[in-house]
């Protein structure tokens, strides 16, 4: 299944303790 850049960035925001992407949009 193809992965998009948006999915990767969502993972990254979670690693930065911002899973809702409030700051790391």
PDBML (XML) file of the C-alpha atoms, coordinates in Angstrom:
<?xml version="1.0" encoding="UTF-8" ?>
<PDBx:datablock datablockName="MODEL"
   xmlns:PDBx="http://pdbml.pdb.org/schema/pdbx-v50.xsd"
   xmlns:xsi="http://www.w3.org/2001/XMLSchema-instance"
   xsi:schemaLocation="http://pdbml.pdb.org/schema/pdbx-v50.xsd pdbx-v50.xsd">
   <PDBx:atom_siteCategory>
      <PDBx:atom_site id="1">
         <PDBx:B_iso_or_equiv>0.00</PDBx:B_iso_or_equiv>
         <PDBx:Cartn_x>0.000</PDBx:Cartn_x>
         <PDBx:Cartn_y>0.000</PDBx:Cartn_y>
         <PDBx:Cartn_z>0.000</PDBx:Cartn_z>
         <PDBx:auth_asym_id>A</PDBx:auth_asym_id>
         <PDBx:auth_atom_id>CA</PDBx:auth_atom_id>
         <PDBx:auth_comp_id>UNK</PDBx:auth_comp_id>
         <PDBx:auth_seq_id>1</PDBx:auth_seq_id>
         <PDBx:group_PDB>ATOM</PDBx:group_PDB>
         <PDBx:label_alt_id xsi:nil="true" />
         <PDBx:label_asym_id>A</PDBx:label_asym_id>
         <PDBx:label_atom_id>CA</PDBx:label_atom_id>
         <PDBx:label_comp_id>UNK</PDBx:label_comp_id>
         <PDBx:label_entity_id>1</PDBx:label_entity_id>
         <PDBx:label_seq_id>1</PDBx:label_seq_id>
         <PDBx:occupancy>1.00</PDBx:occupancy>
         <PDBx:pdbx_PDB_model_num>1</PDBx:pdbx_PDB_model_num>
         <PDBx:type_symbol>C</PDBx:type_symbol>
      </PDBx:atom_site>
      <PDBx:atom_site id="2">
         <PDBx:B_iso_or_equiv>0.00</PDBx:B_iso_or_equiv>
         <PDBx:Cartn_x>1.383</PDBx:Cartn_x>
         <PDBx:Cartn_y>3.393</PDBx:Cartn_y>
         <PDBx:Cartn_z>-1.016</PDBx:Cartn_z>
         <PDBx:auth_asym_id>A</PDBx:auth_asym_id>
         <PDBx:auth_atom_id>CA</PDBx:auth_atom_id>
         <PDBx:auth_comp_id>UNK</PDBx:auth_comp_id>
         <PDBx:auth_seq_id>2</PDBx:auth_seq_id>
         <PDBx:group_PDB>ATOM</PDBx:group_PDB>
         <PDBx:label_alt_id xsi:nil="true" />
         <PDBx:label_asym_id>A</PDBx:label_asym_id>
         <PDBx:label_atom_id>CA</PDBx:label_atom_id>
         <PDBx:label_comp_id>UNK</PDBx:label_comp_id>
         <PDBx:label_entity_id>1</PDBx:label_entity_id>
         <PDBx:label_seq_id>2</PDBx:label_seq_id>
         <PDBx:occupancy>1.00</PDBx:occupancy>
         <PDBx:pdbx_PDB_model_num>1</PDBx:pdbx_PDB_model_num>
         <PDBx:type_symbol>C</PDBx:type_symbol>
      </PDBx:atom_site>
      <PDBx:atom_site id="3">
         <PDBx:B_iso_or_equiv>0.00</PDBx:B_iso_or_equiv>
         <PDBx:Cartn_x>2.358</PDBx:Cartn_x>
         <PDBx:Cartn_y>5.834</PDBx:Cartn_y>
         <PDBx:Cartn_z>1.717</PDBx:Cartn_z>
         <PDBx:auth_asym_id>A</PDBx:auth_asym_id>
         <PDBx:auth_atom_id>CA</PDBx:auth_atom_id>
         <PDBx:auth_comp_id>UNK</PDBx:auth_comp_id>
         <PDBx:auth_seq_id>3</PDBx:auth_seq_id>
         <PDBx:group_PDB>ATOM</PDBx:group_PDB>
         <PDBx:label_alt_id xsi:nil="true" />
         <PDBx:label_asym_id>A</PDBx:label_asym_id>
         <PDBx:label_atom_id>CA</PDBx:label_atom_id>
         <PDBx:label_comp_id>UNK</PDBx:label_comp_id>
         <PDBx:label_entity_id>1</PDBx:label_entity_id>
         <PDBx:label_seq_id>3</PDBx:label_seq_id>
         <PDBx:occupancy>1.00</PDBx:occupancy>
         <PDBx:pdbx_PDB_model_num>1</PDBx:pdbx_PDB_model_num>
         <PDBx:type_symbol>C</PDBx:type_symbol>
      </PDBx:atom_site>
      <PDBx:atom_site id="4">
         <PDBx:B_iso_or_equiv>0.00</PDBx:B_iso_or_equiv>
         <PDBx:Cartn_x>1.957</PDBx:Cartn_x>
         <PDBx:Cartn_y>9.577</PDBx:Cartn_y>
         <PDBx:Cartn_z>1.279</PDBx:Cartn_z>
         <PDBx:auth_asym_id>A</PDBx:auth_asym_id>
         <PDBx:auth_atom_id>CA</PDBx:auth_atom_id>
         <PDBx:auth_comp_id>UNK</PDBx:auth_comp_id>
         <PDBx:auth_seq_id>4</PDBx:auth_seq_id>
         <PDBx:group_PDB>ATOM</PDBx:group_PDB>
         <PDBx:label_alt_id xsi:nil="true" />
         <PDBx:label_asym_id>A</PDBx:label_asym_id>
         <PDBx:label_atom_id>CA</PDBx:label_atom_id>
         <PDBx:label_comp_id>UNK</PDBx:label_comp_id>
         <PDBx:label_entity_id>1</PDBx:label_entity_id>
         <PDBx:label_seq_id>4</PDBx:label_seq_id>
         <PDBx:occupancy>1.00</PDBx:occupancy>
         <PDBx:pdbx_PDB_model_num>1</PDBx:pdbx_PDB_model_num>
         <PDBx:type_symbol>C</PDBx:type_symbol>
      </PDBx:atom_site>
      <PDBx:atom_site id="5">
         <PDBx:B_iso_or_equiv>0.00</PDBx:B_iso_or_equiv>
         <PDBx:Cartn_x>4.048</PDBx:Cartn_x>
         <PDBx:Cartn_y>12.455</PDBx:Cartn_y>
         <PDBx:Cartn_z>2.584</PDBx:Cartn_z>
         <PDBx:auth_asym_id>A</PDBx:auth_asym_id>
         <PDBx:auth_atom_id>CA</PDBx:auth_atom_id>
         <PDBx:auth_comp_id>UNK</PDBx:auth_comp_id>
         <PDBx:auth_seq_id>5</PDBx:auth_seq_id>
         <PDBx:group_PDB>ATOM</PDBx:group_PDB>
         <PDBx:label_alt_id xsi:nil="true" />
         <PDBx:label_asym_id>A</PDBx:label_asym_id>
         <PDBx:label_atom_id>CA</PDBx:label_atom_id>
         <PDBx:label_comp_id>UNK</PDBx:label_comp_id>
         <PDBx:label_entity_id>1</PDBx:label_entity_id>
         <PDBx:label_seq_id>5</PDBx:label_seq_id>
         <PDBx:occupancy>1.00</PDBx:occupancy>
         <PDBx:pdbx_PDB_model_num>1</PDBx:pdbx_PDB_model_num>
         <PDBx:type_symbol>C</PDBx:type_symbol>
      </PDBx:atom_site>
      <PDBx:atom_site id="6">
         <PDBx:B_iso_or_equiv>0.00</PDBx:B_iso_or_equiv>
         <PDBx:Cartn_x>1.080</PDBx:Cartn_x>
         <PDBx:Cartn_y>13.497</PDBx:Cartn_y>
         <PDBx:Cartn_z>4.719</PDBx:Cartn_z>
         <PDBx:auth_asym_id>A</PDBx:auth_asym_id>
         <PDBx:auth_atom_id>CA</PDBx:auth_atom_id>
         <PDBx:auth_comp_id>UNK</PDBx:auth_comp_id>
         <PDBx:auth_seq_id>6</PDBx:auth_seq_id>
         <PDBx:group_PDB>ATOM</PDBx:group_PDB>
         <PDBx:label_alt_id xsi:nil="true" />
         <PDBx:label_asym_id>A</PDBx:label_asym_id>
         <PDBx:label_atom_id>CA</PDBx:label_atom_id>
         <PDBx:label_comp_id>UNK</PDBx:label_comp_id>
         <PDBx:label_entity_id>1</PDBx:label_entity_id>
         <PDBx:label_seq_id>6</PDBx:label_seq_id>
         <PDBx:occupancy>1.00</PDBx:occupancy>
         <PDBx:pdbx_PDB_model_num>1</PDBx:pdbx_PDB_model_num>
         <PDBx:type_symbol>C</PDBx:type_symbol>
      </PDBx:atom_site>
      <PDBx:atom_site id="7">
         <PDBx:B_iso_or_equiv>0.00</PDBx:B_iso_or_equiv>
         <PDBx:Cartn_x>1.090</PDBx:Cartn_x>
         <PDBx:Cartn_y>10.153</PDBx:Cartn_y>
         <PDBx:Cartn_z>6.532</PDBx:Cartn_z>
         <PDBx:auth_asym_id>A</PDBx:auth_asym_id>
         <PDBx:auth_atom_id>CA</PDBx:auth_atom_id>
         <PDBx:auth_comp_id>UNK</PDBx:auth_comp_id>
         <PDBx:auth_seq_id>7</PDBx:auth_seq_id>
         <PDBx:group_PDB>ATOM</PDBx:group_PDB>
         <PDBx:label_alt_id xsi:nil="true" />
         <PDBx:label_asym_id>A</PDBx:label_asym_id>
         <PDBx:label_atom_id>CA</PDBx:label_atom_id>
         <PDBx:label_comp_id>UNK</PDBx:label_comp_id>
         <PDBx:label_entity_id>1</PDBx:label_entity_id>
         <PDBx:label_seq_id>7</PDBx:label_seq_id>
         <PDBx:occupancy>1.00</PDBx:occupancy>
         <PDBx:pdbx_PDB_model_num>1</PDBx:pdbx_PDB_model_num>
         <PDBx:type_symbol>C</PDBx:type_symbol>
      </PDBx:atom_site>
      <PDBx:atom_site id="8">
         <PDBx:B_iso_or_equiv>0.00</PDBx:B_iso_or_equiv>
         <PDBx:Cartn_x>4.814</PDBx:Cartn_x>
         <PDBx:Cartn_y>10.404</PDBx:Cartn_y>
         <PDBx:Cartn_z>7.212</PDBx:Cartn_z>
         <PDBx:auth_asym_id>A</PDBx:auth_asym_id>
         <PDBx:auth_atom_id>CA</PDBx:auth_atom_id>
         <PDBx:auth_comp_id>UNK</PDBx:auth_comp_id>
         <PDBx:auth_seq_id>8</PDBx:auth_seq_id>
         <PDBx:group_PDB>ATOM</PDBx:group_PDB>
         <PDBx:label_alt_id xsi:nil="true" />
         <PDBx:label_asym_id>A</PDBx:label_asym_id>
         <PDBx:label_atom_id>CA</PDBx:label_atom_id>
         <PDBx:label_comp_id>UNK</PDBx:label_comp_id>
         <PDBx:label_entity_id>1</PDBx:label_entity_id>
         <PDBx:label_seq_id>8</PDBx:label_seq_id>
         <PDBx:occupancy>1.00</PDBx:occupancy>
         <PDBx:pdbx_PDB_model_num>1</PDBx:pdbx_PDB_model_num>
         <PDBx:type_symbol>C</PDBx:type_symbol>
      </PDBx:atom_site>
      <PDBx:atom_site id="9">
         <PDBx:B_iso_or_equiv>0.00</PDBx:B_iso_or_equiv>
         <PDBx:Cartn_x>4.407</PDBx:Cartn_x>
         <PDBx:Cartn_y>13.927</PDBx:Cartn_y>
         <PDBx:Cartn_z>8.600</PDBx:Cartn_z>
         <PDBx:auth_asym_id>A</PDBx:auth_asym_id>
         <PDBx:auth_atom_id>CA</PDBx:auth_atom_id>
         <PDBx:auth_comp_id>UNK</PDBx:auth_comp_id>
         <PDBx:auth_seq_id>9</PDBx:auth_seq_id>
         <PDBx:group_PDB>ATOM</PDBx:group_PDB>
         <PDBx:label_alt_id xsi:nil="true" />
         <PDBx:label_asym_id>A</PDBx:label_asym_id>
         <PDBx:label_atom_id>CA</PDBx:label_atom_id>
         <PDBx:label_comp_id>UNK</PDBx:label_comp_id>
         <PDBx:label_entity_id>1</PDBx:label_entity_id>
         <PDBx:label_seq_id>9</PDBx:label_seq_id>
         <PDBx:occupancy>1.00</PDBx:occupancy>
         <PDBx:pdbx_PDB_model_num>1</PDBx:pdbx_PDB_model_num>
         <PDBx:type_symbol>C</PDBx:type_symbol>
      </PDBx:atom_site>
      <PDBx:atom_site id="10">
         <PDBx:B_iso_or_equiv>0.00</PDBx:B_iso_or_equiv>
         <PDBx:Cartn_x>1.583</PDBx:Cartn_x>
         <PDBx:Cartn_y>12.785</PDBx:Cartn_y>
         <PDBx:Cartn_z>10.867</PDBx:Cartn_z>
         <PDBx:auth_asym_id>A</PDBx:auth_asym_id>
         <PDBx:auth_atom_id>CA</PDBx:auth_atom_id>
         <PDBx:auth_comp_id>UNK</PDBx:auth_comp_id>
         <PDBx:auth_seq_id>10</PDBx:auth_seq_id>
         <PDBx:group_PDB>ATOM</PDBx:group_PDB>
         <PDBx:label_alt_id xsi:nil="true" />
         <PDBx:label_asym_id>A</PDBx:label_asym_id>
         <PDBx:label_atom_id>CA</PDBx:label_atom_id>
         <PDBx:label_comp_id>UNK</PDBx:label_comp_id>
         <PDBx:label_entity_id>1</PDBx:label_entity_id>
         <PDBx:label_seq_id>10</PDBx:label_seq_id>
         <PDBx:occupancy>1.00</PDBx:occupancy>
         <PDBx:pdbx_PDB_model_num>1</PDBx:pdbx_PDB_model_num>
         <PDBx:type_symbol>C</PDBx:type_symbol>
      </PDBx:atom_site>
      <PDBx:atom_site id="11">
         <PDBx:B_iso_or_equiv>0.00</PDBx:B_iso_or_equiv>
         <PDBx:Cartn_x>3.912</PDBx:Cartn_x>
         <PDBx:Cartn_y>10.120</PDBx:Cartn_y>
         <PDBx:Cartn_z>12.267</PDBx:Cartn_z>
         <PDBx:auth_asym_id>A</PDBx:auth_asym_id>
         <PDBx:auth_atom_id>CA</PDBx:auth_atom_id>
         <PDBx:auth_comp_id>UNK</PDBx:auth_comp_id>
         <PDBx:auth_seq_id>11</PDBx:auth_seq_id>
         <PDBx:group_PDB>ATOM</PDBx:group_PDB>
         <PDBx:label_alt_id xsi:nil="true" />
         <PDBx:label_asym_id>A</PDBx:label_asym_id>
         <PDBx:label_atom_id>CA</PDBx:label_atom_id>
         <PDBx:label_comp_id>UNK</PDBx:label_comp_id>
         <PDBx:label_entity_id>1</PDBx:label_entity_id>
         <PDBx:label_seq_id>11</PDBx:label_seq_id>
         <PDBx:occupancy>1.00</PDBx:occupancy>
         <PDBx:pdbx_PDB_model_num>1</PDBx:pdbx_PDB_model_num>
         <PDBx:type_symbol>C</PDBx:type_symbol>
      </PDBx:atom_site>
      <PDBx:atom_site id="12">
         <PDBx:B_iso_or_equiv>0.00</PDBx:B_iso_or_equiv>
         <PDBx:Cartn_x>6.611</PDBx:Cartn_x>
         <PDBx:Cartn_y>12.750</PDBx:Cartn_y>
         <PDBx:Cartn_z>12.766</PDBx:Cartn_z>
         <PDBx:auth_asym_id>A</PDBx:auth_asym_id>
         <PDBx:auth_atom_id>CA</PDBx:auth_atom_id>
         <PDBx:auth_comp_id>UNK</PDBx:auth_comp_id>
         <PDBx:auth_seq_id>12</PDBx:auth_seq_id>
         <PDBx:group_PDB>ATOM</PDBx:group_PDB>
         <PDBx:label_alt_id xsi:nil="true" />
         <PDBx:label_asym_id>A</PDBx:label_asym_id>
         <PDBx:label_atom_id>CA</PDBx:label_atom_id>
         <PDBx:label_comp_id>UNK</PDBx:label_comp_id>
         <PDBx:label_entity_id>1</PDBx:label_entity_id>
         <PDBx:label_seq_id>12</PDBx:label_seq_id>
         <PDBx:occupancy>1.00</PDBx:occupancy>
         <PDBx:pdbx_PDB_model_num>1</PDBx:pdbx_PDB_model_num>
         <PDBx:type_symbol>C</PDBx:type_symbol>
      </PDBx:atom_site>
      <PDBx:atom_site id="13">
         <PDBx:B_iso_or_equiv>0.00</PDBx:B_iso_or_equiv>
         <PDBx:Cartn_x>4.240</PDBx:Cartn_x>
         <PDBx:Cartn_y>15.044</PDBx:Cartn_y>
         <PDBx:Cartn_z>14.639</PDBx:Cartn_z>
         <PDBx:auth_asym_id>A</PDBx:auth_asym_id>
         <PDBx:auth_atom_id>CA</PDBx:auth_atom_id>
         <PDBx:auth_comp_id>UNK</PDBx:auth_comp_id>
         <PDBx:auth_seq_id>13</PDBx:auth_seq_id>
         <PDBx:group_PDB>ATOM</PDBx:group_PDB>
         <PDBx:label_alt_id xsi:nil="true" />
         <PDBx:label_asym_id>A</PDBx:label_asym_id>
         <PDBx:label_atom_id>CA</PDBx:label_atom_id>
         <PDBx:label_comp_id>UNK</PDBx:label_comp_id>
         <PDBx:label_entity_id>1</PDBx:label_entity_id>
         <PDBx:label_seq_id>13</PDBx:label_seq_id>
         <PDBx:occupancy>1.00</PDBx:occupancy>
         <PDBx:pdbx_PDB_model_num>1</PDBx:pdbx_PDB_model_num>
         <PDBx:type_symbol>C</PDBx:type_symbol>
      </PDBx:atom_site>
      <PDBx:atom_site id="14">
         <PDBx:B_iso_or_equiv>0.00</PDBx:B_iso_or_equiv>
         <PDBx:Cartn_x>3.413</PDBx:Cartn_x>
         <PDBx:Cartn_y>12.148</PDBx:Cartn_y>
         <PDBx:Cartn_z>16.958</PDBx:Cartn_z>
         <PDBx:auth_asym_id>A</PDBx:auth_asym_id>
         <PDBx:auth_atom_id>CA</PDBx:auth_atom_id>
         <PDBx:auth_comp_id>UNK</PDBx:auth_comp_id>
         <PDBx:auth_seq_id>14</PDBx:auth_seq_id>
         <PDBx:group_PDB>ATOM</PDBx:group_PDB>
         <PDBx:label_alt_id xsi:nil="true" />
         <PDBx:label_asym_id>A</PDBx:label_asym_id>
         <PDBx:label_atom_id>CA</PDBx:label_atom_id>
         <PDBx:label_comp_id>UNK</PDBx:label_comp_id>
         <PDBx:label_entity_id>1</PDBx:label_entity_id>
         <PDBx:label_seq_id>14</PDBx:label_seq_id>
         <PDBx:occupancy>1.00</PDBx:occupancy>
         <PDBx:pdbx_PDB_model_num>1</PDBx:pdbx_PDB_model_num>
         <PDBx:type_symbol>C</PDBx:type_symbol>
      </PDBx:atom_site>
      <PDBx:atom_site id="15">
         <PDBx:B_iso_or_equiv>0.00</PDBx:B_iso_or_equiv>
         <PDBx:Cartn_x>7.111</PDBx:Cartn_x>
         <PDBx:Cartn_y>11.623</PDBx:Cartn_y>
         <PDBx:Cartn_z>17.665</PDBx:Cartn_z>
         <PDBx:auth_asym_id>A</PDBx:auth_asym_id>
         <PDBx:auth_atom_id>CA</PDBx:auth_atom_id>
         <PDBx:auth_comp_id>UNK</PDBx:auth_comp_id>
         <PDBx:auth_seq_id>15</PDBx:auth_seq_id>
         <PDBx:group_PDB>ATOM</PDBx:group_PDB>
         <PDBx:label_alt_id xsi:nil="true" />
         <PDBx:label_asym_id>A</PDBx:label_asym_id>
         <PDBx:label_atom_id>CA</PDBx:label_atom_id>
         <PDBx:label_comp_id>UNK</PDBx:label_comp_id>
         <PDBx:label_entity_id>1</PDBx:label_entity_id>
         <PDBx:label_seq_id>15</PDBx:label_seq_id>
         <PDBx:occupancy>1.00</PDBx:occupancy>
         <PDBx:pdbx_PDB_model_num>1</PDBx:pdbx_PDB_model_num>
         <PDBx:type_symbol>C</PDBx:type_symbol>
      </PDBx:atom_site>
      <PDBx:atom_site id="16">
         <PDBx:B_iso_or_equiv>0.00</PDBx:B_iso_or_equiv>
         <PDBx:Cartn_x>7.274</PDBx:Cartn_x>
         <PDBx:Cartn_y>15.328</PDBx:Cartn_y>
         <PDBx:Cartn_z>18.534</PDBx:Cartn_z>
         <PDBx:auth_asym_id>A</PDBx:auth_asym_id>
         <PDBx:auth_atom_id>CA</PDBx:auth_atom_id>
         <PDBx:auth_comp_id>UNK</PDBx:auth_comp_id>
         <PDBx:auth_seq_id>16</PDBx:auth_seq_id>
         <PDBx:group_PDB>ATOM</PDBx:group_PDB>
         <PDBx:label_alt_id xsi:nil="true" />
         <PDBx:label_asym_id>A</PDBx:label_asym_id>
         <PDBx:label_atom_id>CA</PDBx:label_atom_id>
         <PDBx:label_comp_id>UNK</PDBx:label_comp_id>
         <PDBx:label_entity_id>1</PDBx:label_entity_id>
         <PDBx:label_seq_id>16</PDBx:label_seq_id>
         <PDBx:occupancy>1.00</PDBx:occupancy>
         <PDBx:pdbx_PDB_model_num>1</PDBx:pdbx_PDB_model_num>
         <PDBx:type_symbol>C</PDBx:type_symbol>
      </PDBx:atom_site>
      <PDBx:atom_site id="17">
         <PDBx:B_iso_or_equiv>0.00</PDBx:B_iso_or_equiv>
         <PDBx:Cartn_x>4.451</PDBx:Cartn_x>
         <PDBx:Cartn_y>14.862</PDBx:Cartn_y>
         <PDBx:Cartn_z>21.062</PDBx:Cartn_z>
         <PDBx:auth_asym_id>A</PDBx:auth_asym_id>
         <PDBx:auth_atom_id>CA</PDBx:auth_atom_id>
         <PDBx:auth_comp_id>UNK</PDBx:auth_comp_id>
         <PDBx:auth_seq_id>17</PDBx:auth_seq_id>
         <PDBx:group_PDB>ATOM</PDBx:group_PDB>
         <PDBx:label_alt_id xsi:nil="true" />
         <PDBx:label_asym_id>A</PDBx:label_asym_id>
         <PDBx:label_atom_id>CA</PDBx:label_atom_id>
         <PDBx:label_comp_id>UNK</PDBx:label_comp_id>
         <PDBx:label_entity_id>1</PDBx:label_entity_id>
         <PDBx:label_seq_id>17</PDBx:label_seq_id>
         <PDBx:occupancy>1.00</PDBx:occupancy>
         <PDBx:pdbx_PDB_model_num>1</PDBx:pdbx_PDB_model_num>
         <PDBx:type_symbol>C</PDBx:type_symbol>
      </PDBx:atom_site>
      <PDBx:atom_site id="18">
         <PDBx:B_iso_or_equiv>0.00</PDBx:B_iso_or_equiv>
         <PDBx:Cartn_x>1.976</PDBx:Cartn_x>
         <PDBx:Cartn_y>16.691</PDBx:Cartn_y>
         <PDBx:Cartn_z>18.825</PDBx:Cartn_z>
         <PDBx:auth_asym_id>A</PDBx:auth_asym_id>
         <PDBx:auth_atom_id>CA</PDBx:auth_atom_id>
         <PDBx:auth_comp_id>UNK</PDBx:auth_comp_id>
         <PDBx:auth_seq_id>18</PDBx:auth_seq_id>
         <PDBx:group_PDB>ATOM</PDBx:group_PDB>
         <PDBx:label_alt_id xsi:nil="true" />
         <PDBx:label_asym_id>A</PDBx:label_asym_id>
         <PDBx:label_atom_id>CA</PDBx:label_atom_id>
         <PDBx:label_comp_id>UNK</PDBx:label_comp_id>
         <PDBx:label_entity_id>1</PDBx:label_entity_id>
         <PDBx:label_seq_id>18</PDBx:label_seq_id>
         <PDBx:occupancy>1.00</PDBx:occupancy>
         <PDBx:pdbx_PDB_model_num>1</PDBx:pdbx_PDB_model_num>
         <PDBx:type_symbol>C</PDBx:type_symbol>
      </PDBx:atom_site>
      <PDBx:atom_site id="19">
         <PDBx:B_iso_or_equiv>0.00</PDBx:B_iso_or_equiv>
         <PDBx:Cartn_x>-0.250</PDBx:Cartn_x>
         <PDBx:Cartn_y>13.917</PDBx:Cartn_y>
         <PDBx:Cartn_z>17.392</PDBx:Cartn_z>
         <PDBx:auth_asym_id>A</PDBx:auth_asym_id>
         <PDBx:auth_atom_id>CA</PDBx:auth_atom_id>
         <PDBx:auth_comp_id>UNK</PDBx:auth_comp_id>
         <PDBx:auth_seq_id>19</PDBx:auth_seq_id>
         <PDBx:group_PDB>ATOM</PDBx:group_PDB>
         <PDBx:label_alt_id xsi:nil="true" />
         <PDBx:label_asym_id>A</PDBx:label_asym_id>
         <PDBx:label_atom_id>CA</PDBx:label_atom_id>
         <PDBx:label_comp_id>UNK</PDBx:label_comp_id>
         <PDBx:label_entity_id>1</PDBx:label_entity_id>
         <PDBx:label_seq_id>19</PDBx:label_seq_id>
         <PDBx:occupancy>1.00</PDBx:occupancy>
         <PDBx:pdbx_PDB_model_num>1</PDBx:pdbx_PDB_model_num>
         <PDBx:type_symbol>C</PDBx:type_symbol>
      </PDBx:atom_site>
      <PDBx:atom_site id="20">
         <PDBx:B_iso_or_equiv>0.00</PDBx:B_iso_or_equiv>
         <PDBx:Cartn_x>-3.060</PDBx:Cartn_x>
         <PDBx:Cartn_y>16.367</PDBx:Cartn_y>
         <PDBx:Cartn_z>16.601</PDBx:Cartn_z>
         <PDBx:auth_asym_id>A</PDBx:auth_asym_id>
         <PDBx:auth_atom_id>CA</PDBx:auth_atom_id>
         <PDBx:auth_comp_id>UNK</PDBx:auth_comp_id>
         <PDBx:auth_seq_id>20</PDBx:auth_seq_id>
         <PDBx:group_PDB>ATOM</PDBx:group_PDB>
         <PDBx:label_alt_id xsi:nil="true" />
         <PDBx:label_asym_id>A</PDBx:label_asym_id>
         <PDBx:label_atom_id>CA</PDBx:label_atom_id>
         <PDBx:label_comp_id>UNK</PDBx:label_comp_id>
         <PDBx:label_entity_id>1</PDBx:label_entity_id>
         <PDBx:label_seq_id>20</PDBx:label_seq_id>
         <PDBx:occupancy>1.00</PDBx:occupancy>
         <PDBx:pdbx_PDB_model_num>1</PDBx:pdbx_PDB_model_num>
         <PDBx:type_symbol>C</PDBx:type_symbol>
      </PDBx:atom_site>
      <PDBx:atom_site id="21">
         <PDBx:B_iso_or_equiv>0.00</PDBx:B_iso_or_equiv>
         <PDBx:Cartn_x>-0.587</PDBx:Cartn_x>
         <PDBx:Cartn_y>18.541</PDBx:Cartn_y>
         <PDBx:Cartn_z>14.682</PDBx:Cartn_z>
         <PDBx:auth_asym_id>A</PDBx:auth_asym_id>
         <PDBx:auth_atom_id>CA</PDBx:auth_atom_id>
         <PDBx:auth_comp_id>UNK</PDBx:auth_comp_id>
         <PDBx:auth_seq_id>21</PDBx:auth_seq_id>
         <PDBx:group_PDB>ATOM</PDBx:group_PDB>
         <PDBx:label_alt_id xsi:nil="true" />
         <PDBx:label_asym_id>A</PDBx:label_asym_id>
         <PDBx:label_atom_id>CA</PDBx:label_atom_id>
         <PDBx:label_comp_id>UNK</PDBx:label_comp_id>
         <PDBx:label_entity_id>1</PDBx:label_entity_id>
         <PDBx:label_seq_id>21</PDBx:label_seq_id>
         <PDBx:occupancy>1.00</PDBx:occupancy>
         <PDBx:pdbx_PDB_model_num>1</PDBx:pdbx_PDB_model_num>
         <PDBx:type_symbol>C</PDBx:type_symbol>
      </PDBx:atom_site>
      <PDBx:atom_site id="22">
         <PDBx:B_iso_or_equiv>0.00</PDBx:B_iso_or_equiv>
         <PDBx:Cartn_x>-1.455</PDBx:Cartn_x>
         <PDBx:Cartn_y>21.689</PDBx:Cartn_y>
         <PDBx:Cartn_z>16.605</PDBx:Cartn_z>
         <PDBx:auth_asym_id>A</PDBx:auth_asym_id>
         <PDBx:auth_atom_id>CA</PDBx:auth_atom_id>
         <PDBx:auth_comp_id>UNK</PDBx:auth_comp_id>
         <PDBx:auth_seq_id>22</PDBx:auth_seq_id>
         <PDBx:group_PDB>ATOM</PDBx:group_PDB>
         <PDBx:label_alt_id xsi:nil="true" />
         <PDBx:label_asym_id>A</PDBx:label_asym_id>
         <PDBx:label_atom_id>CA</PDBx:label_atom_id>
         <PDBx:label_comp_id>UNK</PDBx:label_comp_id>
         <PDBx:label_entity_id>1</PDBx:label_entity_id>
         <PDBx:label_seq_id>22</PDBx:label_seq_id>
         <PDBx:occupancy>1.00</PDBx:occupancy>
         <PDBx:pdbx_PDB_model_num>1</PDBx:pdbx_PDB_model_num>
         <PDBx:type_symbol>C</PDBx:type_symbol>
      </PDBx:atom_site>
      <PDBx:atom_site id="23">
         <PDBx:B_iso_or_equiv>0.00</PDBx:B_iso_or_equiv>
         <PDBx:Cartn_x>2.041</PDBx:Cartn_x>
         <PDBx:Cartn_y>23.125</PDBx:Cartn_y>
         <PDBx:Cartn_z>16.295</PDBx:Cartn_z>
         <PDBx:auth_asym_id>A</PDBx:auth_asym_id>
         <PDBx:auth_atom_id>CA</PDBx:auth_atom_id>
         <PDBx:auth_comp_id>UNK</PDBx:auth_comp_id>
         <PDBx:auth_seq_id>23</PDBx:auth_seq_id>
         <PDBx:group_PDB>ATOM</PDBx:group_PDB>
         <PDBx:label_alt_id xsi:nil="true" />
         <PDBx:label_asym_id>A</PDBx:label_asym_id>
         <PDBx:label_atom_id>CA</PDBx:label_atom_id>
         <PDBx:label_comp_id>UNK</PDBx:label_comp_id>
         <PDBx:label_entity_id>1</PDBx:label_entity_id>
         <PDBx:label_seq_id>23</PDBx:label_seq_id>
         <PDBx:occupancy>1.00</PDBx:occupancy>
         <PDBx:pdbx_PDB_model_num>1</PDBx:pdbx_PDB_model_num>
         <PDBx:type_symbol>C</PDBx:type_symbol>
      </PDBx:atom_site>
      <PDBx:atom_site id="24">
         <PDBx:B_iso_or_equiv>0.00</PDBx:B_iso_or_equiv>
         <PDBx:Cartn_x>3.701</PDBx:Cartn_x>
         <PDBx:Cartn_y>20.799</PDBx:Cartn_y>
         <PDBx:Cartn_z>13.806</PDBx:Cartn_z>
         <PDBx:auth_asym_id>A</PDBx:auth_asym_id>
         <PDBx:auth_atom_id>CA</PDBx:auth_atom_id>
         <PDBx:auth_comp_id>UNK</PDBx:auth_comp_id>
         <PDBx:auth_seq_id>24</PDBx:auth_seq_id>
         <PDBx:group_PDB>ATOM</PDBx:group_PDB>
         <PDBx:label_alt_id xsi:nil="true" />
         <PDBx:label_asym_id>A</PDBx:label_asym_id>
         <PDBx:label_atom_id>CA</PDBx:label_atom_id>
         <PDBx:label_comp_id>UNK</PDBx:label_comp_id>
         <PDBx:label_entity_id>1</PDBx:label_entity_id>
         <PDBx:label_seq_id>24</PDBx:label_seq_id>
         <PDBx:occupancy>1.00</PDBx:occupancy>
         <PDBx:pdbx_PDB_model_num>1</PDBx:pdbx_PDB_model_num>
         <PDBx:type_symbol>C</PDBx:type_symbol>
      </PDBx:atom_site>
      <PDBx:atom_site id="25">
         <PDBx:B_iso_or_equiv>0.00</PDBx:B_iso_or_equiv>
         <PDBx:Cartn_x>1.198</PDBx:Cartn_x>
         <PDBx:Cartn_y>21.188</PDBx:Cartn_y>
         <PDBx:Cartn_z>11.022</PDBx:Cartn_z>
         <PDBx:auth_asym_id>A</PDBx:auth_asym_id>
         <PDBx:auth_atom_id>CA</PDBx:auth_atom_id>
         <PDBx:auth_comp_id>UNK</PDBx:auth_comp_id>
         <PDBx:auth_seq_id>25</PDBx:auth_seq_id>
         <PDBx:group_PDB>ATOM</PDBx:group_PDB>
         <PDBx:label_alt_id xsi:nil="true" />
         <PDBx:label_asym_id>A</PDBx:label_asym_id>
         <PDBx:label_atom_id>CA</PDBx:label_atom_id>
         <PDBx:label_comp_id>UNK</PDBx:label_comp_id>
         <PDBx:label_entity_id>1</PDBx:label_entity_id>
         <PDBx:label_seq_id>25</PDBx:label_seq_id>
         <PDBx:occupancy>1.00</PDBx:occupancy>
         <PDBx:pdbx_PDB_model_num>1</PDBx:pdbx_PDB_model_num>
         <PDBx:type_symbol>C</PDBx:type_symbol>
      </PDBx:atom_site>
   </PDBx:atom_siteCategory>
</PDBx:datablock>
